[in-house]
All heavy atoms as atom14 arrays in JSON, in Angstrom:
{
  "sequence": "NDYLITFNNKNEVKNVEKLHNSMIAQNINDEKIGKTISGVHS",
  "atom14_mask": [
    [1, 1, 1, 1, 1, 1, 1, 1, 0, 0, 0, 0, 0, 0],
    [1, 1, 1, 1, 1, 1, 1, 1, 0, 0, 0, 0, 0, 0],
    [1, 1, 1, 1, 1, 1, 1, 1, 1, 1, 1, 1, 0, 0],
    [1, 1, 1, 1, 1, 1, 1, 1, 0, 0, 0, 0, 0, 0],
    [1, 1, 1, 1, 1, 1, 1, 1, 0, 0, 0, 0, 0, 0],
    [1, 1, 1, 1, 1, 1, 1, 0, 0, 0, 0, 0, 0, 0],
    [1, 1, 1, 1, 1, 1, 1, 1, 1, 1, 1, 0, 0, 0],
    [1, 1, 1, 1, 1, 1, 1, 1, 0, 0, 0, 0, 0, 0],
    [1, 1, 1, 1, 1, 1, 1, 1, 0, 0, 0, 0, 0, 0],
    [1, 1, 1, 1, 1, 1, 1, 1, 1, 0, 0, 0, 0, 0],
    [1, 1, 1, 1, 1, 1, 1, 1, 0, 0, 0, 0, 0, 0],
    [1, 1, 1, 1, 1, 1, 1, 1, 1, 0, 0, 0, 0, 0],
    [1, 1, 1, 1, 1, 1, 1, 0, 0, 0, 0, 0, 0, 0],
    [1, 1, 1, 1, 1, 1, 1, 1, 1, 0, 0, 0, 0, 0],
    [1, 1, 1, 1, 1, 1, 1, 1, 0, 0, 0, 0, 0, 0],
    [1, 1, 1, 1, 1, 1, 1, 0, 0, 0, 0, 0, 0, 0],
    [1, 1, 1, 1, 1, 1, 1, 1, 1, 0, 0, 0, 0, 0],
    [1, 1, 1, 1, 1, 1, 1, 1, 1, 0, 0, 0, 0, 0],
    [1, 1, 1, 1, 1, 1, 1, 1, 0, 0, 0, 0, 0, 0],
    [1, 1, 1, 1, 1, 1, 1, 1, 1, 1, 0, 0, 0, 0],
    [1, 1, 1, 1, 1, 1, 1, 1, 0, 0, 0, 0, 0, 0],
    [1, 1, 1, 1, 1, 1, 0, 0, 0, 0, 0, 0, 0, 0],
    [1, 1, 1, 1, 1, 1, 1, 1, 0, 0, 0, 0, 0, 0],
    [1, 1, 1, 1, 1, 1, 1, 1, 0, 0, 0, 0, 0, 0],
    [1, 1, 1, 1, 1, 0, 0, 0, 0, 0, 0, 0, 0, 0],
    [1, 1, 1, 1, 1, 1, 1, 1, 1, 0, 0, 0, 0, 0],
    [1, 1, 1, 1, 1, 1, 1, 1, 0, 0, 0, 0, 0, 0],
    [1, 1, 1, 1, 1, 1, 1, 1, 0, 0, 0, 0, 0, 0],
    [1, 1, 1, 1, 1, 1, 1, 1, 0, 0, 0, 0, 0, 0],
    [1, 1, 1, 1, 1, 1, 1, 1, 0, 0, 0, 0, 0, 0],
    [1, 1, 1, 1, 1, 1, 1, 1, 1, 0, 0, 0, 0, 0],
    [1, 1, 1, 1, 1, 1, 1, 1, 1, 0, 0, 0, 0, 0],
    [1, 1, 1, 1, 1, 1, 1, 1, 0, 0, 0, 0, 0, 0],
    [1, 1, 1, 1, 0, 0, 0, 0, 0, 0, 0, 0, 0, 0],
    [1, 1, 1, 1, 1, 1, 1, 1, 1, 0, 0, 0, 0, 0],
    [1, 1, 1, 1, 1, 1, 1, 0, 0, 0, 0, 0, 0, 0],
    [1, 1, 1, 1, 1, 1, 1, 1, 0, 0, 0, 0, 0, 0],
    [1, 1, 1, 1, 1, 1, 0, 0, 0, 0, 0, 0, 0, 0],
    [1, 1, 1, 1, 0, 0, 0, 0, 0, 0, 0, 0, 0, 0],
    [1, 1, 1, 1, 1, 1, 1, 0, 0, 0, 0, 0, 0, 0],
    [1, 1, 1, 1, 1, 1, 1, 1, 1, 1, 0, 0, 0, 0],
    [1, 1, 1, 1, 1, 1, 0, 0, 0, 0, 0, 0, 0, 0]
  ],
  "atom14_positions": [
    [[-33.24, -2.81, 51.34], [-33.32, -3.08, 49.85], [-34.75, -2.83, 49.41], [-35.27, -3.61, 48.67], [-32.97, -4.41, 49.37], [-32.44, -4.46, 48.0], [-31.85, -3.58, 47.36], [-33.0, -5.48, 47.27], [0.0, 0.0, 0.0], [0.0, 0.0, 0.0], [0.0, 0.0, 0.0], [0.0, 0.0, 0.0], [0.0, 0.0, 0.0], [0.0, 0.0, 0.0]],
    [[-35.35, -1.7, 49.86], [-36.68, -1.31, 49.48], [-36.73, 0.0, 48.94], [-35.77, 0.96, 49.2], [-37.52, -1.42, 50.77], [-37.02, -0.74, 51.93], [-35.86, -0.31, 51.93], [-37.64, -0.77, 53.07], [0.0, 0.0, 0.0], [0.0, 0.0, 0.0], [0.0, 0.0, 0.0], [0.0, 0.0, 0.0], [0.0, 0.0, 0.0], [0.0, 0.0, 0.0]],
    [[-37.74, 0.32, 48.12], [-37.82, 1.43, 47.3], [-39.22, 2.04, 47.36], [-40.1, 1.38, 47.51], [-37.41, 1.25, 45.86], [-36.04, 0.39, 45.91], [-35.9, -1.02, 45.89], [-34.79, 1.0, 45.68], [-34.9, -1.65, 45.96], [-33.65, 0.35, 45.64], [-33.68, -1.0, 45.73], [-32.41, -1.7, 45.75], [0.0, 0.0, 0.0], [0.0, 0.0, 0.0]],
    [[-39.21, 3.32, 47.06], [-40.5, 3.97, 46.79], [-40.49, 4.69, 45.41], [-39.6, 5.41, 45.19], [-40.78, 5.07, 47.82], [-41.98, 6.06, 47.73], [-43.26, 5.17, 47.75], [-42.06, 7.09, 48.8], [0.0, 0.0, 0.0], [0.0, 0.0, 0.0], [0.0, 0.0, 0.0], [0.0, 0.0, 0.0], [0.0, 0.0, 0.0], [0.0, 0.0, 0.0]],
    [[-41.45, 4.37, 44.57], [-41.63, 4.97, 43.31], [-42.92, 5.78, 43.34], [-44.05, 5.27, 43.69], [-41.88, 3.97, 42.16], [-40.6, 2.95, 42.23], [-41.9, 4.47, 40.82], [-40.8, 1.64, 41.28], [0.0, 0.0, 0.0], [0.0, 0.0, 0.0], [0.0, 0.0, 0.0], [0.0, 0.0, 0.0], [0.0, 0.0, 0.0], [0.0, 0.0, 0.0]],
    [[-42.77, 7.0, 42.88], [-43.91, 7.96, 42.84], [-44.34, 8.22, 41.43], [-43.26, 8.2, 40.66], [-43.71, 9.2, 43.76], [-42.58, 9.78, 43.3], [-43.63, 8.98, 45.2], [0.0, 0.0, 0.0], [0.0, 0.0, 0.0], [0.0, 0.0, 0.0], [0.0, 0.0, 0.0], [0.0, 0.0, 0.0], [0.0, 0.0, 0.0], [0.0, 0.0, 0.0]],
    [[-45.56, 8.51, 41.28], [-46.1, 8.72, 39.86], [-46.75, 10.08, 39.62], [-47.33, 10.54, 40.69], [-47.11, 7.52, 39.51], [-46.44, 6.27, 39.4], [-46.2, 5.41, 40.57], [-45.92, 5.78, 38.31], [-45.69, 4.27, 40.51], [-45.34, 4.53, 38.08], [-45.21, 3.7, 39.26], [0.0, 0.0, 0.0], [0.0, 0.0, 0.0], [0.0, 0.0, 0.0]],
    [[-46.84, 10.6, 38.5], [-47.54, 11.78, 38.23], [-49.02, 11.48, 37.9], [-49.33, 10.26, 37.92], [-46.93, 12.7, 37.15], [-46.88, 12.1, 35.79], [-47.48, 10.98, 35.51], [-45.93, 12.54, 35.05], [0.0, 0.0, 0.0], [0.0, 0.0, 0.0], [0.0, 0.0, 0.0], [0.0, 0.0, 0.0], [0.0, 0.0, 0.0], [0.0, 0.0, 0.0]],
    [[-49.78, 12.38, 37.61], [-51.32, 12.1, 37.22], [-51.41, 11.35, 35.96], [-52.63, 11.0, 35.63], [-52.12, 13.27, 37.36], [-51.62, 14.42, 36.45], [-50.69, 14.26, 35.69], [-52.33, 15.55, 36.57], [0.0, 0.0, 0.0], [0.0, 0.0, 0.0], [0.0, 0.0, 0.0], [0.0, 0.0, 0.0], [0.0, 0.0, 0.0], [0.0, 0.0, 0.0]],
    [[-50.33, 11.29, 35.18], [-50.46, 10.57, 33.9], [-49.83, 9.02, 34.11], [-49.46, 8.39, 33.08], [-49.65, 11.3, 32.76], [-50.12, 12.51, 32.42], [-49.32, 13.25, 31.33], [-49.94, 14.73, 31.09], [-49.16, 15.37, 30.15], [0.0, 0.0, 0.0], [0.0, 0.0, 0.0], [0.0, 0.0, 0.0], [0.0, 0.0, 0.0], [0.0, 0.0, 0.0]],
    [[-49.65, 8.69, 35.29], [-49.07, 7.3, 35.7], [-47.65, 7.19, 35.18], [-47.21, 6.04, 35.01], [-49.91, 6.22, 35.22], [-51.29, 6.3, 35.86], [-51.46, 6.68, 36.93], [-52.41, 5.85, 35.03], [0.0, 0.0, 0.0], [0.0, 0.0, 0.0], [0.0, 0.0, 0.0], [0.0, 0.0, 0.0], [0.0, 0.0, 0.0], [0.0, 0.0, 0.0]],
    [[-46.93, 8.31, 34.99], [-45.49, 8.16, 34.63], [-44.64, 8.26, 35.89], [-45.08, 9.1, 36.88], [-45.14, 9.42, 33.66], [-45.96, 9.28, 32.44], [-45.84, 10.75, 31.71], [-45.72, 11.81, 32.31], [-46.02, 10.67, 30.5], [0.0, 0.0, 0.0], [0.0, 0.0, 0.0], [0.0, 0.0, 0.0], [0.0, 0.0, 0.0], [0.0, 0.0, 0.0]],
    [[-43.54, 7.57, 35.88], [-42.69, 7.74, 37.07], [-42.15, 9.07, 37.35], [-41.62, 9.74, 36.37], [-41.45, 6.66, 36.99], [-40.49, 6.7, 38.0], [-41.99, 5.32, 36.91], [0.0, 0.0, 0.0], [0.0, 0.0, 0.0], [0.0, 0.0, 0.0], [0.0, 0.0, 0.0], [0.0, 0.0, 0.0], [0.0, 0.0, 0.0], [0.0, 0.0, 0.0]],
    [[-42.37, 9.52, 38.5], [-41.87, 11.03, 38.81], [-40.61, 10.85, 39.69], [-39.71, 11.69, 39.45], [-43.07, 11.6, 39.64], [-42.73, 13.08, 39.99], [-44.07, 13.81, 40.54], [-44.53, 13.22, 41.94], [-45.45, 13.98, 42.56], [0.0, 0.0, 0.0], [0.0, 0.0, 0.0], [0.0, 0.0, 0.0], [0.0, 0.0, 0.0], [0.0, 0.0, 0.0]],
    [[-40.53, 9.87, 40.57], [-39.32, 9.8, 41.39], [-39.18, 8.3, 41.93], [-40.2, 7.61, 42.1], [-39.5, 10.63, 42.68], [-38.29, 10.79, 43.42], [-37.25, 11.03, 42.97], [-38.45, 10.62, 44.75], [0.0, 0.0, 0.0], [0.0, 0.0, 0.0], [0.0, 0.0, 0.0], [0.0, 0.0, 0.0], [0.0, 0.0, 0.0], [0.0, 0.0, 0.0]],
    [[-37.83, 7.95, 42.07], [-37.55, 6.67, 42.56], [-36.51, 6.89, 43.63], [-35.62, 7.63, 43.44], [-36.89, 5.77, 41.52], [-36.57, 4.41, 42.2], [-37.76, 5.51, 40.34], [0.0, 0.0, 0.0], [0.0, 0.0, 0.0], [0.0, 0.0, 0.0], [0.0, 0.0, 0.0], [0.0, 0.0, 0.0], [0.0, 0.0, 0.0], [0.0, 0.0, 0.0]],
    [[-36.76, 6.45, 44.87], [-35.84, 6.54, 45.98], [-35.72, 5.3, 46.84], [-36.73, 4.45, 46.9], [-36.29, 7.67, 46.83], [-37.66, 7.49, 47.58], [-37.95, 8.77, 48.37], [-37.31, 9.07, 49.25], [-39.11, 9.29, 48.05], [0.0, 0.0, 0.0], [0.0, 0.0, 0.0], [0.0, 0.0, 0.0], [0.0, 0.0, 0.0], [0.0, 0.0, 0.0]],
    [[-34.52, 5.23, 47.35], [-34.19, 4.02, 48.29], [-34.73, 4.52, 49.75], [-34.62, 5.59, 50.02], [-32.71, 3.79, 48.46], [-32.06, 3.2, 47.15], [-30.48, 3.23, 47.4], [-30.01, 1.87, 47.79], [-28.57, 1.76, 47.76], [0.0, 0.0, 0.0], [0.0, 0.0, 0.0], [0.0, 0.0, 0.0], [0.0, 0.0, 0.0], [0.0, 0.0, 0.0]],
    [[-35.38, 3.54, 50.33], [-35.69, 3.7, 51.73], [-34.69, 3.36, 52.87], [-34.77, 3.88, 53.97], [-37.06, 2.99, 52.11], [-38.19, 3.35, 51.14], [-39.5, 2.68, 51.47], [-38.42, 4.82, 50.96], [0.0, 0.0, 0.0], [0.0, 0.0, 0.0], [0.0, 0.0, 0.0], [0.0, 0.0, 0.0], [0.0, 0.0, 0.0], [0.0, 0.0, 0.0]],
    [[-33.88, 2.5, 52.44], [-32.75, 1.95, 53.35], [-31.48, 1.98, 52.5], [-31.65, 1.83, 51.24], [-32.96, 0.62, 53.87], [-34.01, 0.47, 54.93], [-35.41, 0.27, 54.54], [-34.08, 0.48, 56.2], [-36.13, 0.32, 55.72], [-35.35, 0.41, 56.7], [0.0, 0.0, 0.0], [0.0, 0.0, 0.0], [0.0, 0.0, 0.0], [0.0, 0.0, 0.0]],
    [[-30.35, 2.01, 53.22], [-29.09, 2.1, 52.47], [-28.58, 0.83, 52.07], [-27.67, 0.66, 51.3], [-28.03, 2.89, 53.41], [-26.87, 3.31, 52.58], [-27.12, 3.87, 51.44], [-25.73, 3.23, 53.13], [0.0, 0.0, 0.0], [0.0, 0.0, 0.0], [0.0, 0.0, 0.0], [0.0, 0.0, 0.0], [0.0, 0.0, 0.0], [0.0, 0.0, 0.0]],
    [[-29.17, -0.36, 52.66], [-28.64, -1.61, 52.29], [-29.66, -2.66, 52.65], [-30.83, -2.27, 53.01], [-27.36, -1.84, 53.34], [-27.69, -1.94, 54.57], [0.0, 0.0, 0.0], [0.0, 0.0, 0.0], [0.0, 0.0, 0.0], [0.0, 0.0, 0.0], [0.0, 0.0, 0.0], [0.0, 0.0, 0.0], [0.0, 0.0, 0.0], [0.0, 0.0, 0.0]],
    [[-29.39, -3.91, 52.64], [-30.32, -5.04, 52.94], [-29.8, -5.67, 54.25], [-28.66, -5.96, 54.25], [-30.49, -5.92, 51.83], [-31.45, -7.04, 52.1], [-31.64, -8.2, 50.63], [-30.32, -9.42, 51.14], [0.0, 0.0, 0.0], [0.0, 0.0, 0.0], [0.0, 0.0, 0.0], [0.0, 0.0, 0.0], [0.0, 0.0, 0.0], [0.0, 0.0, 0.0]],
    [[-30.75, -6.0, 55.15], [-30.4, -6.63, 56.39], [-31.25, -8.04, 56.36], [-32.46, -8.02, 56.34], [-30.72, -5.85, 57.59], [-29.97, -4.54, 57.57], [-30.49, -6.55, 58.91], [-30.71, -3.38, 58.22], [0.0, 0.0, 0.0], [0.0, 0.0, 0.0], [0.0, 0.0, 0.0], [0.0, 0.0, 0.0], [0.0, 0.0, 0.0], [0.0, 0.0, 0.0]],
    [[-30.6, -9.24, 56.35], [-31.37, -10.39, 56.5], [-31.14, -10.95, 57.92], [-30.01, -11.11, 58.39], [-30.69, -11.44, 55.49], [0.0, 0.0, 0.0], [0.0, 0.0, 0.0], [0.0, 0.0, 0.0], [0.0, 0.0, 0.0], [0.0, 0.0, 0.0], [0.0, 0.0, 0.0], [0.0, 0.0, 0.0], [0.0, 0.0, 0.0], [0.0, 0.0, 0.0]],
    [[-32.22, -11.03, 58.66], [-32.34, -11.39, 60.0], [-32.85, -12.9, 60.07], [-34.04, -13.14, 59.76], [-33.01, -10.52, 60.91], [-32.33, -9.0, 60.93], [-32.9, -8.27, 62.05], [-34.01, -8.43, 62.35], [-32.24, -7.21, 62.48], [0.0, 0.0, 0.0], [0.0, 0.0, 0.0], [0.0, 0.0, 0.0], [0.0, 0.0, 0.0], [0.0, 0.0, 0.0]],
    [[-32.01, -13.78, 60.59], [-32.37, -15.11, 60.89], [-33.37, -15.22, 61.97], [-33.17, -14.54, 63.06], [-31.3, -16.07, 61.12], [-30.41, -16.22, 59.83], [-30.85, -16.35, 58.76], [-29.07, -16.21, 60.14], [0.0, 0.0, 0.0], [0.0, 0.0, 0.0], [0.0, 0.0, 0.0], [0.0, 0.0, 0.0], [0.0, 0.0, 0.0], [0.0, 0.0, 0.0]],
    [[-34.41, -16.06, 61.99], [-35.37, -16.25, 63.02], [-35.43, -17.8, 63.24], [-35.13, -18.66, 62.43], [-36.77, -15.71, 62.66], [-37.25, -16.33, 61.33], [-36.64, -14.23, 62.72], [-38.81, -15.98, 61.17], [0.0, 0.0, 0.0], [0.0, 0.0, 0.0], [0.0, 0.0, 0.0], [0.0, 0.0, 0.0], [0.0, 0.0, 0.0], [0.0, 0.0, 0.0]],
    [[-35.71, -18.15, 64.41], [-35.76, -19.5, 64.86], [-34.64, -20.42, 64.3], [-34.77, -21.48, 63.77], [-37.08, -20.09, 64.27], [-38.2, -19.3, 64.79], [-38.22, -18.83, 65.91], [-39.21, -19.36, 64.1], [0.0, 0.0, 0.0], [0.0, 0.0, 0.0], [0.0, 0.0, 0.0], [0.0, 0.0, 0.0], [0.0, 0.0, 0.0], [0.0, 0.0, 0.0]],
    [[-33.33, -19.89, 64.5], [-32.24, -20.63, 64.09], [-31.82, -21.64, 65.17], [-31.51, -21.15, 66.23], [-31.14, -19.49, 63.71], [-29.85, -20.19, 63.21], [-29.49, -21.39, 63.49], [-29.23, -19.47, 62.28], [0.0, 0.0, 0.0], [0.0, 0.0, 0.0], [0.0, 0.0, 0.0], [0.0, 0.0, 0.0], [0.0, 0.0, 0.0], [0.0, 0.0, 0.0]],
    [[-31.63, -22.87, 64.98], [-31.17, -23.8, 65.97], [-29.88, -23.55, 66.54], [-29.63, -23.76, 67.77], [-31.22, -25.27, 65.35], [-32.66, -25.67, 64.94], [-32.65, -27.18, 64.35], [-31.63, -27.84, 64.53], [-33.67, -27.56, 63.85], [0.0, 0.0, 0.0], [0.0, 0.0, 0.0], [0.0, 0.0, 0.0], [0.0, 0.0, 0.0], [0.0, 0.0, 0.0]],
    [[-28.98, -22.9, 65.83], [-27.62, -22.63, 66.41], [-27.62, -21.38, 67.22], [-26.9, -21.5, 68.4], [-26.65, -22.3, 65.18], [-26.41, -23.45, 64.3], [-25.53, -22.95, 63.07], [-25.54, -24.1, 62.07], [-24.74, -23.65, 60.89], [0.0, 0.0, 0.0], [0.0, 0.0, 0.0], [0.0, 0.0, 0.0], [0.0, 0.0, 0.0], [0.0, 0.0, 0.0]],
    [[-28.44, -20.47, 67.12], [-28.48, -19.3, 67.95], [-29.73, -19.18, 68.91], [-29.82, -18.34, 69.76], [-28.32, -17.87, 67.19], [-29.58, -17.79, 66.14], [-27.04, -17.92, 66.43], [-29.48, -16.42, 65.53], [0.0, 0.0, 0.0], [0.0, 0.0, 0.0], [0.0, 0.0, 0.0], [0.0, 0.0, 0.0], [0.0, 0.0, 0.0], [0.0, 0.0, 0.0]],
    [[-30.73, -20.0, 68.61], [-31.98, -19.97, 69.39], [-32.97, -19.01, 68.83], [-32.78, -18.58, 67.71], [0.0, 0.0, 0.0], [0.0, 0.0, 0.0], [0.0, 0.0, 0.0], [0.0, 0.0, 0.0], [0.0, 0.0, 0.0], [0.0, 0.0, 0.0], [0.0, 0.0, 0.0], [0.0, 0.0, 0.0], [0.0, 0.0, 0.0], [0.0, 0.0, 0.0]],
    [[-33.94, -18.83, 69.6], [-35.18, -18.0, 69.13], [-34.75, -16.59, 69.45], [-34.5, -16.28, 70.65], [-36.36, -18.44, 69.77], [-37.69, -17.74, 69.38], [-38.89, -18.53, 69.8], [-40.19, -17.75, 69.35], [-40.37, -17.55, 68.06], [0.0, 0.0, 0.0], [0.0, 0.0, 0.0], [0.0, 0.0, 0.0], [0.0, 0.0, 0.0], [0.0, 0.0, 0.0]],
    [[-34.96, -15.69, 68.6], [-34.85, -14.14, 68.73], [-36.08, -13.76, 69.29], [-37.21, -14.17, 68.89], [-34.44, -13.48, 67.48], [-35.45, -13.66, 66.47], [-33.04, -14.01, 66.91], [0.0, 0.0, 0.0], [0.0, 0.0, 0.0], [0.0, 0.0, 0.0], [0.0, 0.0, 0.0], [0.0, 0.0, 0.0], [0.0, 0.0, 0.0], [0.0, 0.0, 0.0]],
    [[-35.98, -12.68, 70.11], [-37.22, -12.1, 70.81], [-37.39, -10.59, 70.42], [-38.46, -10.03, 70.66], [-37.13, -12.13, 72.32], [-35.94, -11.44, 72.9], [-37.22, -13.65, 72.84], [-35.91, -11.23, 74.36], [0.0, 0.0, 0.0], [0.0, 0.0, 0.0], [0.0, 0.0, 0.0], [0.0, 0.0, 0.0], [0.0, 0.0, 0.0], [0.0, 0.0, 0.0]],
    [[-36.42, -10.07, 69.72], [-36.5, -8.7, 69.19], [-35.41, -8.49, 68.12], [-34.62, -9.37, 67.78], [-36.26, -7.73, 70.36], [-36.53, -6.44, 69.94], [0.0, 0.0, 0.0], [0.0, 0.0, 0.0], [0.0, 0.0, 0.0], [0.0, 0.0, 0.0], [0.0, 0.0, 0.0], [0.0, 0.0, 0.0], [0.0, 0.0, 0.0], [0.0, 0.0, 0.0]],
    [[-35.35, -7.39, 67.56], [-34.46, -6.91, 66.56], [-34.21, -5.46, 66.48], [-34.95, -4.64, 67.11], [0.0, 0.0, 0.0], [0.0, 0.0, 0.0], [0.0, 0.0, 0.0], [0.0, 0.0, 0.0], [0.0, 0.0, 0.0], [0.0, 0.0, 0.0], [0.0, 0.0, 0.0], [0.0, 0.0, 0.0], [0.0, 0.0, 0.0], [0.0, 0.0, 0.0]],
    [[-33.24, -5.0, 65.74], [-32.82, -3.55, 65.57], [-32.2, -3.41, 64.32], [-31.34, -4.27, 63.9], [-32.12, -3.21, 66.91], [-30.75, -3.81, 66.91], [-31.96, -1.59, 66.9], [0.0, 0.0, 0.0], [0.0, 0.0, 0.0], [0.0, 0.0, 0.0], [0.0, 0.0, 0.0], [0.0, 0.0, 0.0], [0.0, 0.0, 0.0], [0.0, 0.0, 0.0]],
    [[-32.39, -2.26, 63.79], [-31.48, -1.94, 62.68], [-31.46, -0.33, 62.66], [-32.23, 0.28, 63.24], [-31.86, -2.45, 61.26], [-33.19, -1.97, 60.68], [-34.29, -2.64, 60.73], [-33.36, -0.83, 59.91], [-35.23, -1.89, 60.26], [-34.58, -0.84, 59.59], [0.0, 0.0, 0.0], [0.0, 0.0, 0.0], [0.0, 0.0, 0.0], [0.0, 0.0, 0.0]],
    [[-30.45, 0.25, 61.97], [-30.19, 1.57, 61.96], [-30.8, 2.19, 60.6], [-30.71, 1.45, 59.54], [-28.84, 2.08, 62.29], [-27.95, 1.57, 61.28], [0.0, 0.0, 0.0], [0.0, 0.0, 0.0], [0.0, 0.0, 0.0], [0.0, 0.0, 0.0], [0.0, 0.0, 0.0], [0.0, 0.0, 0.0], [0.0, 0.0, 0.0], [0.0, 0.0, 0.0]]
  ]
}
């Protein structure tokens, strides 16, 4: 859920694009699942 906005030399928006197709919320230090040591997404 991140984006890149590029501008022309007049500070006008030239392009808007998504960097990922969706949003991934990863829990950390969750008492139910324990401590995570790494992560992965596509």
